[in-house]
């Protein structure tokens, strides 16, 4: 854990929480069905390079809530992609009345996260759990992709969920102030956007991963929460 002290504290995050009823899936959206998931799993496994251990690249909530069991984790760097709050959200940590933002990995730059080595279990079952968690609407805003990662123990290939710019909820690049305002104010039945940001930054810092953009963002969000009183 680094010696840096976050401006966005648990106390400030708690101020953002409110009870919100889940309105359920958007009836106007097209949802992926069992057949869609089967096709995506087939395509992903067919494109997988090699037959060694299955690694998953976690850059956000998968770090602390990976959905599938894993036996090892390594700090890893992927080039050509960066974290970005570029996904419109109207459920989970936001509502239709107060839309929020979710983070994805968009093109350009680089991203340091955590490579998780999954157990040697049923690959289809593992991917099915991950796909149903990460992708619900079509066209999906996330898409699975095999990426080359650099780690202190050497290079490896891992599955990552990157942005599909043609996806249902892709918001594009937004200004930092606009992102901070939405993260400081939105909340859904899963909790607040500020809570999500807090967990991402704190879990990265615990692993000595310092994302300068997210560090600035948590300062901006904290300032807005304090200003609201």
C-alpha atoms as a PDB file:
ATOM      1  CA  UNK A   1       0.000   0.000   0.000  1.00  0.00           C
ATOM      2  CA  UNK A   2       1.367   3.403  -0.915  1.00  0.00           C
ATOM      3  CA  UNK A   3       1.657   6.233   1.569  1.00  0.00           C
ATOM      4  CA  UNK A   4      -0.665   8.435  -0.462  1.00  0.00           C
ATOM      5  CA  UNK A   5      -3.868   9.436   1.285  1.00  0.00           C
ATOM      6  CA  UNK A   6      -7.045   9.521  -0.763  1.00  0.00           C
ATOM      7  CA  UNK A   7      -9.201  12.634  -0.656  1.00  0.00           C
ATOM      8  CA  UNK A   8     -12.251  10.485  -1.353  1.00  0.00           C
ATOM      9  CA  UNK A   9     -12.812   8.802   2.008  1.00  0.00           C
ATOM     10  CA  UNK A  10     -15.290   6.203   3.196  1.00  0.00           C
ATOM     11  CA  UNK A  11     -17.126   8.962   5.081  1.00  0.00           C
ATOM     12  CA  UNK A  12     -17.543  11.043   1.926  1.00  0.00           C
ATOM     13  CA  UNK A  13     -18.635   7.985  -0.027  1.00  0.00           C
ATOM     14  CA  UNK A  14     -21.264   7.236   2.634  1.00  0.00           C
ATOM     15  CA  UNK A  15     -22.794  10.674   2.034  1.00  0.00           C
ATOM     16  CA  UNK A  16     -23.588   9.624  -1.540  1.00  0.00           C
ATOM     17  CA  UNK A  17     -25.544   6.529  -0.600  1.00  0.00           C
ATOM     18  CA  UNK A  18     -29.309   6.462  -0.785  1.00  0.00           C
ATOM     19  CA  UNK A  19     -31.848   3.683  -1.085  1.00  0.00           C
ATOM     20  CA  UNK A  20     -32.846   3.229  -4.714  1.00  0.00           C
ATOM     21  CA  UNK A  21     -35.341   0.692  -5.998  1.00  0.00           C
ATOM     22  CA  UNK A  22     -34.243  -1.434  -8.933  1.00  0.00           C
ATOM     23  CA  UNK A  23     -36.530  -0.786 -11.884  1.00  0.00           C
ATOM     24  CA  UNK A  24     -35.241  -3.877 -13.667  1.00  0.00           C
ATOM     25  CA  UNK A  25     -33.893  -4.350 -17.196  1.00  0.00           C
ATOM     26  CA  UNK A  26     -34.634  -1.683 -19.776  1.00  0.00           C
ATOM     27  CA  UNK A  27     -37.707  -2.951 -21.680  1.00  0.00           C
ATOM     28  CA  UNK A  28     -36.721  -0.919 -24.739  1.00  0.00           C
ATOM     29  CA  UNK A  29     -33.230  -2.439 -25.033  1.00  0.00           C
ATOM     30  CA  UNK A  30     -32.225  -5.617 -26.820  1.00  0.00           C
ATOM     31  CA  UNK A  31     -30.772  -8.172 -24.434  1.00  0.00           C
ATOM     32  CA  UNK A  32     -28.327 -10.969 -25.136  1.00  0.00           C
ATOM     33  CA  UNK A  33     -29.857 -14.447 -24.897  1.00  0.00           C
ATOM     34  CA  UNK A  34     -28.423 -17.905 -24.223  1.00  0.00           C
ATOM     35  CA  UNK A  35     -27.677 -18.477 -27.902  1.00  0.00           C
ATOM     36  CA  UNK A  36     -25.755 -15.188 -28.098  1.00  0.00           C
ATOM     37  CA  UNK A  37     -23.577 -16.182 -25.153  1.00  0.00           C
ATOM     38  CA  UNK A  38     -22.898 -19.617 -26.653  1.00  0.00           C
ATOM     39  CA  UNK A  39     -21.700 -18.039 -29.897  1.00  0.00           C
ATOM     40  CA  UNK A  40     -19.464 -15.557 -28.063  1.00  0.00           C
ATOM     41  CA  UNK A  41     -17.930 -18.320 -25.949  1.00  0.00           C
ATOM     42  CA  UNK A  42     -17.257 -20.417 -29.062  1.00  0.00           C
ATOM     43  CA  UNK A  43     -15.618 -17.485 -30.845  1.00  0.00           C
ATOM     44  CA  UNK A  44     -13.532 -16.503 -27.817  1.00  0.00           C
ATOM     45  CA  UNK A  45     -12.230 -20.020 -27.204  1.00  0.00           C
ATOM     46  CA  UNK A  46     -11.480 -20.478 -30.909  1.00  0.00           C
ATOM     47  CA  UNK A  47      -9.427 -17.265 -30.929  1.00  0.00           C
ATOM     48  CA  UNK A  48      -7.513 -18.149 -27.769  1.00  0.00           C
ATOM     49  CA  UNK A  49      -3.764 -18.398 -28.407  1.00  0.00           C
ATOM     50  CA  UNK A  50      -2.242 -21.486 -26.790  1.00  0.00           C
ATOM     51  CA  UNK A  51      -3.630 -23.978 -24.298  1.00  0.00           C
ATOM     52  CA  UNK A  52      -1.948 -22.930 -21.059  1.00  0.00           C
ATOM     53  CA  UNK A  53      -3.538 -21.408 -17.962  1.00  0.00           C
ATOM     54  CA  UNK A  54      -6.427 -19.009 -18.516  1.00  0.00           C
ATOM     55  CA  UNK A  55      -5.592 -15.495 -17.337  1.00  0.00           C
ATOM     56  CA  UNK A  56      -8.076 -12.649 -16.917  1.00  0.00           C
ATOM     57  CA  UNK A  57      -7.013  -8.987 -16.986  1.00  0.00           C
ATOM     58  CA  UNK A  58      -8.805  -6.981 -14.296  1.00  0.00           C
ATOM     59  CA  UNK A  59      -8.652  -3.188 -14.398  1.00  0.00           C
ATOM     60  CA  UNK A  60     -11.804  -2.210 -12.458  1.00  0.00           C
ATOM     61  CA  UNK A  61     -14.324  -4.091 -10.316  1.00  0.00           C
ATOM     62  CA  UNK A  62     -13.023  -7.479 -11.458  1.00  0.00           C
ATOM     63  CA  UNK A  63     -10.020  -6.795  -9.179  1.00  0.00           C
ATOM     64  CA  UNK A  64     -12.084  -7.107  -5.994  1.00  0.00           C
ATOM     65  CA  UNK A  65     -15.082  -9.004  -7.370  1.00  0.00           C
ATOM     66  CA  UNK A  66     -13.780 -11.304 -10.112  1.00  0.00           C
ATOM     67  CA  UNK A  67     -16.878 -13.565 -10.311  1.00  0.00           C
ATOM     68  CA  UNK A  68     -14.701 -16.634 -10.902  1.00  0.00           C
ATOM     69  CA  UNK A  69     -12.116 -18.320  -8.682  1.00  0.00           C
ATOM     70  CA  UNK A  70      -8.436 -17.631  -9.263  1.00  0.00           C
ATOM     71  CA  UNK A  71      -5.198 -19.062  -7.897  1.00  0.00           C
ATOM     72  CA  UNK A  72      -2.696 -16.285  -8.579  1.00  0.00           C
ATOM     73  CA  UNK A  73      -2.537 -12.590  -9.405  1.00  0.00           C
ATOM     74  CA  UNK A  74       0.153 -10.429 -10.948  1.00  0.00           C
ATOM     75  CA  UNK A  75       0.427  -6.701 -11.577  1.00  0.00           C
ATOM     76  CA  UNK A  76       0.342  -6.388 -15.358  1.00  0.00           C
ATOM     77  CA  UNK A  77       0.621  -3.687 -18.013  1.00  0.00           C
ATOM     78  CA  UNK A  78      -1.239  -3.617 -21.324  1.00  0.00           C
ATOM     79  CA  UNK A  79      -0.304  -1.118 -24.018  1.00  0.00           C
ATOM     80  CA  UNK A  80      -2.745   0.382 -26.488  1.00  0.00           C
ATOM     81  CA  UNK A  81      -5.635   0.700 -24.007  1.00  0.00           C
ATOM     82  CA  UNK A  82      -6.511   3.003 -21.100  1.00  0.00           C
ATOM     83  CA  UNK A  83      -9.153   3.300 -18.384  1.00  0.00           C
ATOM     84  CA  UNK A  84     -11.990   5.674 -19.223  1.00  0.00           C
ATOM     85  CA  UNK A  85     -15.392   6.507 -17.791  1.00  0.00           C
ATOM     86  CA  UNK A  86     -16.935   6.256 -21.239  1.00  0.00           C
ATOM     87  CA  UNK A  87     -20.041   4.127 -20.708  1.00  0.00           C
ATOM     88  CA  UNK A  88     -23.468   5.606 -20.061  1.00  0.00           C
ATOM     89  CA  UNK A  89     -25.294   3.903 -17.213  1.00  0.00           C
ATOM     90  CA  UNK A  90     -28.978   4.086 -16.238  1.00  0.00           C
ATOM     91  CA  UNK A  91     -29.081   1.180 -13.769  1.00  0.00           C
ATOM     92  CA  UNK A  92     -26.882  -0.462 -11.106  1.00  0.00           C
ATOM     93  CA  UNK A  93     -25.078   2.699  -9.855  1.00  0.00           C
ATOM     94  CA  UNK A  94     -27.366   5.195 -11.574  1.00  0.00           C
ATOM     95  CA  UNK A  95     -30.954   5.604 -12.710  1.00  0.00           C
ATOM     96  CA  UNK A  96     -32.738   6.725 -15.848  1.00  0.00           C
ATOM     97  CA  UNK A  97     -33.598   9.977 -14.061  1.00  0.00           C
ATOM     98  CA  UNK A  98     -29.944  10.521 -13.098  1.00  0.00           C
ATOM     99  CA  UNK A  99     -27.718   8.731 -15.622  1.00  0.00           C
ATOM    100  CA  UNK A 100     -24.223   7.864 -14.516  1.00  0.00           C
ATOM    101  CA  UNK A 101     -21.001   6.542 -15.994  1.00  0.00           C
ATOM    102  CA  UNK A 102     -19.158   3.237 -15.861  1.00  0.00           C
ATOM    103  CA  UNK A 103     -15.516   2.637 -16.595  1.00  0.00           C
ATOM    104  CA  UNK A 104     -14.198   0.655 -19.528  1.00  0.00           C
ATOM    105  CA  UNK A 105     -10.889   0.181 -21.279  1.00  0.00           C
ATOM    106  CA  UNK A 106     -10.798   2.302 -24.426  1.00  0.00           C
ATOM    107  CA  UNK A 107      -8.218   2.561 -27.179  1.00  0.00           C
ATOM    108  CA  UNK A 108      -4.944   4.410 -26.760  1.00  0.00           C
ATOM    109  CA  UNK A 109      -2.349   4.843 -24.033  1.00  0.00           C
ATOM    110  CA  UNK A 110      -1.646   2.109 -21.520  1.00  0.00           C
ATOM    111  CA  UNK A 111      -3.282   0.511 -18.509  1.00  0.00           C
ATOM    112  CA  UNK A 112      -1.778  -1.179 -15.460  1.00  0.00           C
ATOM    113  CA  UNK A 113      -4.040  -3.642 -13.701  1.00  0.00           C
ATOM    114  CA  UNK A 114      -4.078  -7.162 -12.296  1.00  0.00           C
ATOM    115  CA  UNK A 115      -3.764 -10.444 -14.187  1.00  0.00           C
ATOM    116  CA  UNK A 116      -5.758 -13.195 -12.470  1.00  0.00           C
ATOM    117  CA  UNK A 117      -4.924 -16.846 -13.140  1.00  0.00           C
ATOM    118  CA  UNK A 118      -8.171 -18.771 -13.177  1.00  0.00           C
ATOM    119  CA  UNK A 119      -8.499 -22.280 -11.800  1.00  0.00           C
ATOM    120  CA  UNK A 120      -8.144 -25.224 -14.178  1.00  0.00           C
ATOM    121  CA  UNK A 121     -11.887 -25.713 -14.279  1.00  0.00           C
ATOM    122  CA  UNK A 122     -14.542 -25.784 -16.977  1.00  0.00           C
ATOM    123  CA  UNK A 123     -13.540 -23.012 -19.393  1.00  0.00           C
ATOM    124  CA  UNK A 124     -17.020 -22.650 -20.856  1.00  0.00           C
ATOM    125  CA  UNK A 125     -18.546 -22.325 -17.404  1.00  0.00           C
ATOM    126  CA  UNK A 126     -15.951 -19.716 -16.406  1.00  0.00           C
ATOM    127  CA  UNK A 127     -16.491 -17.666 -19.553  1.00  0.00           C
ATOM    128  CA  UNK A 128     -20.265 -17.963 -19.251  1.00  0.00           C
ATOM    129  CA  UNK A 129     -20.158 -16.433 -15.761  1.00  0.00           C
ATOM    130  CA  UNK A 130     -17.852 -13.639 -16.894  1.00  0.00           C
ATOM    131  CA  UNK A 131     -19.769 -12.861 -20.090  1.00  0.00           C
ATOM    132  CA  UNK A 132     -23.136 -12.697 -18.332  1.00  0.00           C
ATOM    133  CA  UNK A 133     -21.671 -10.351 -15.756  1.00  0.00           C
ATOM    134  CA  UNK A 134     -19.924  -8.023 -18.211  1.00  0.00           C
ATOM    135  CA  UNK A 135     -22.261  -8.087 -21.223  1.00  0.00           C
ATOM    136  CA  UNK A 136     -26.053  -7.870 -21.148  1.00  0.00           C
ATOM    137  CA  UNK A 137     -27.253  -5.676 -24.031  1.00  0.00           C
ATOM    138  CA  UNK A 138     -26.695  -5.876 -27.755  1.00  0.00           C
ATOM    139  CA  UNK A 139     -24.760  -4.567 -29.361  1.00  0.00           C
ATOM    140  CA  UNK A 140     -22.629  -5.006 -26.240  1.00  0.00           C
ATOM    141  CA  UNK A 141     -20.532  -2.055 -25.066  1.00  0.00           C
ATOM    142  CA  UNK A 142     -17.901  -4.477 -23.782  1.00  0.00           C
ATOM    143  CA  UNK A 143     -16.285  -7.154 -25.917  1.00  0.00           C
ATOM    144  CA  UNK A 144     -13.880  -9.954 -24.969  1.00  0.00           C
ATOM    145  CA  UNK A 145     -10.400  -9.735 -26.418  1.00  0.00           C
ATOM    146  CA  UNK A 146      -7.114 -11.568 -25.882  1.00  0.00           C
ATOM    147  CA  UNK A 147      -4.361  -9.096 -24.990  1.00  0.00           C
ATOM    148  CA  UNK A 148      -0.624  -9.399 -24.457  1.00  0.00           C
ATOM    149  CA  UNK A 149       0.441  -8.257 -20.983  1.00  0.00           C
ATOM    150  CA  UNK A 150       3.805  -7.410 -19.493  1.00  0.00           C
ATOM    151  CA  UNK A 151       4.511  -8.552 -15.918  1.00  0.00           C
ATOM    152  CA  UNK A 152       7.592  -8.754 -13.702  1.00  0.00           C
ATOM    153  CA  UNK A 153       7.440 -12.530 -14.152  1.00  0.00           C
ATOM    154  CA  UNK A 154       7.383 -12.254 -17.932  1.00  0.00           C
ATOM    155  CA  UNK A 155       4.810 -11.740 -20.707  1.00  0.00           C
ATOM    156  CA  UNK A 156       1.466 -13.501 -20.776  1.00  0.00           C
ATOM    157  CA  UNK A 157      -1.790 -13.431 -22.728  1.00  0.00           C
ATOM    158  CA  UNK A 158      -5.037 -12.706 -20.907  1.00  0.00           C
ATOM    159  CA  UNK A 159      -8.700 -12.208 -21.647  1.00  0.00           C
ATOM    160  CA  UNK A 160      -9.896  -8.640 -21.161  1.00  0.00           C
ATOM    161  CA  UNK A 161     -13.175  -6.822 -21.666  1.00  0.00           C
ATOM    162  CA  UNK A 162     -12.504  -3.785 -23.824  1.00  0.00           C
ATOM    163  CA  UNK A 163     -14.780  -1.115 -25.238  1.00  0.00           C
ATOM    164  CA  UNK A 164     -16.837  -1.645 -28.351  1.00  0.00           C
ATOM    165  CA  UNK A 165     -17.268   1.894 -29.649  1.00  0.00           C
ATOM    166  CA  UNK A 166     -20.344   0.766 -31.582  1.00  0.00           C
ATOM    167  CA  UNK A 167     -21.875  -0.582 -28.391  1.00  0.00           C
ATOM    168  CA  UNK A 168     -25.258   0.305 -26.979  1.00  0.00           C
ATOM    169  CA  UNK A 169     -24.005   2.578 -24.191  1.00  0.00           C
ATOM    170  CA  UNK A 170     -20.679   3.958 -25.417  1.00  0.00           C
ATOM    171  CA  UNK A 171     -20.446   7.630 -24.402  1.00  0.00           C
ATOM    172  CA  UNK A 172     -17.106   8.536 -25.960  1.00  0.00           C
ATOM    173  CA  UNK A 173     -14.439  10.683 -24.351  1.00  0.00           C
ATOM    174  CA  UNK A 174     -15.859  13.123 -21.797  1.00  0.00           C
ATOM    175  CA  UNK A 175     -14.231  16.043 -19.986  1.00  0.00           C
ATOM    176  CA  UNK A 176     -12.841  15.397 -16.518  1.00  0.00           C
ATOM    177  CA  UNK A 177     -15.186  17.886 -14.843  1.00  0.00           C
ATOM    178  CA  UNK A 178     -18.247  16.335 -16.473  1.00  0.00           C
ATOM    179  CA  UNK A 179     -17.144  12.868 -15.368  1.00  0.00           C
ATOM    180  CA  UNK A 180     -16.444  14.035 -11.804  1.00  0.00           C
ATOM    181  CA  UNK A 181     -19.872  15.675 -11.529  1.00  0.00           C
ATOM    182  CA  UNK A 182     -21.695  12.496 -12.502  1.00  0.00           C
ATOM    183  CA  UNK A 183     -19.557  10.288 -10.267  1.00  0.00           C
ATOM    184  CA  UNK A 184     -20.203  12.584  -7.304  1.00  0.00           C
ATOM    185  CA  UNK A 185     -23.971  12.562  -7.689  1.00  0.00           C
ATOM    186  CA  UNK A 186     -25.332   9.312  -9.106  1.00  0.00           C
ATOM    187  CA  UNK A 187     -26.514   6.287  -7.170  1.00  0.00           C
ATOM    188  CA  UNK A 188     -28.460   3.123  -7.950  1.00  0.00           C
ATOM    189  CA  UNK A 189     -29.588  -0.046  -6.220  1.00  0.00           C
ATOM    190  CA  UNK A 190     -26.002  -1.401  -6.252  1.00  0.00           C
ATOM    191  CA  UNK A 191     -24.644   1.734  -4.589  1.00  0.00           C
ATOM    192  CA  UNK A 192     -23.120   5.041  -5.632  1.00  0.00           C
ATOM    193  CA  UNK A 193     -20.699   5.864  -8.417  1.00  0.00           C
ATOM    194  CA  UNK A 194     -18.438   7.446  -5.785  1.00  0.00           C
ATOM    195  CA  UNK A 195     -18.283   4.090  -3.991  1.00  0.00           C
ATOM    196  CA  UNK A 196     -17.208   2.412  -7.244  1.00  0.00           C
ATOM    197  CA  UNK A 197     -14.469   5.000  -7.823  1.00  0.00           C
ATOM    198  CA  UNK A 198     -13.278   4.648  -4.229  1.00  0.00           C
ATOM    199  CA  UNK A 199     -12.994   0.874  -4.578  1.00  0.00           C
ATOM    200  CA  UNK A 200     -11.137   1.056  -7.888  1.00  0.00           C
ATOM    201  CA  UNK A 201      -8.558   3.554  -6.656  1.00  0.00           C
ATOM    202  CA  UNK A 202      -8.052   1.975  -3.232  1.00  0.00           C
ATOM    203  CA  UNK A 203      -7.651  -1.531  -4.679  1.00  0.00           C
ATOM    204  CA  UNK A 204      -5.130  -0.271  -7.235  1.00  0.00           C
ATOM    205  CA  UNK A 205      -3.165   1.603  -4.564  1.00  0.00           C
ATOM    206  CA  UNK A 206      -3.082  -1.506  -2.363  1.00  0.00           C
ATOM    207  CA  UNK A 207      -1.207  -3.176  -5.210  1.00  0.00           C
ATOM    208  CA  UNK A 208       1.119  -0.177  -5.713  1.00  0.00           C
ATOM    209  CA  UNK A 209      -0.657   0.744  -8.964  1.00  0.00           C
ATOM    210  CA  UNK A 210      -0.970   4.513  -9.227  1.00  0.00           C
ATOM    211  CA  UNK A 211      -3.313   5.688 -11.975  1.00  0.00           C
ATOM    212  CA  UNK A 212      -2.724   9.446 -12.143  1.00  0.00           C
ATOM    213  CA  UNK A 213      -5.968  10.153 -13.981  1.00  0.00           C
ATOM    214  CA  UNK A 214      -8.095   8.268 -11.434  1.00  0.00           C
ATOM    215  CA  UNK A 215      -6.143   9.906  -8.605  1.00  0.00           C
ATOM    216  CA  UNK A 216      -7.081  13.364  -9.923  1.00  0.00           C
ATOM    217  CA  UNK A 217     -10.636  12.216 -10.448  1.00  0.00           C
ATOM    218  CA  UNK A 218     -11.097  11.053  -6.858  1.00  0.00           C
ATOM    219  CA  UNK A 219      -9.873  14.465  -5.689  1.00  0.00           C
ATOM    220  CA  UNK A 220     -12.419  16.211  -7.921  1.00  0.00           C
ATOM    221  CA  UNK A 221     -15.235  13.939  -6.763  1.00  0.00           C
ATOM    222  CA  UNK A 222     -14.310  14.486  -3.108  1.00  0.00           C
ATOM    223  CA  UNK A 223     -14.351  18.257  -3.613  1.00  0.00           C
ATOM    224  CA  UNK A 224     -17.828  18.116  -5.106  1.00  0.00           C
ATOM    225  CA  UNK A 225     -19.208  15.968  -2.287  1.00  0.00           C
ATOM    226  CA  UNK A 226     -17.751  18.337   0.329  1.00  0.00           C
ATOM    227  CA  UNK A 227     -19.131  21.369  -1.526  1.00  0.00           C
ATOM    228  CA  UNK A 228     -22.633  19.855  -1.426  1.00  0.00           C
ATOM    229  CA  UNK A 229     -22.375  19.723   2.355  1.00  0.00           C
END
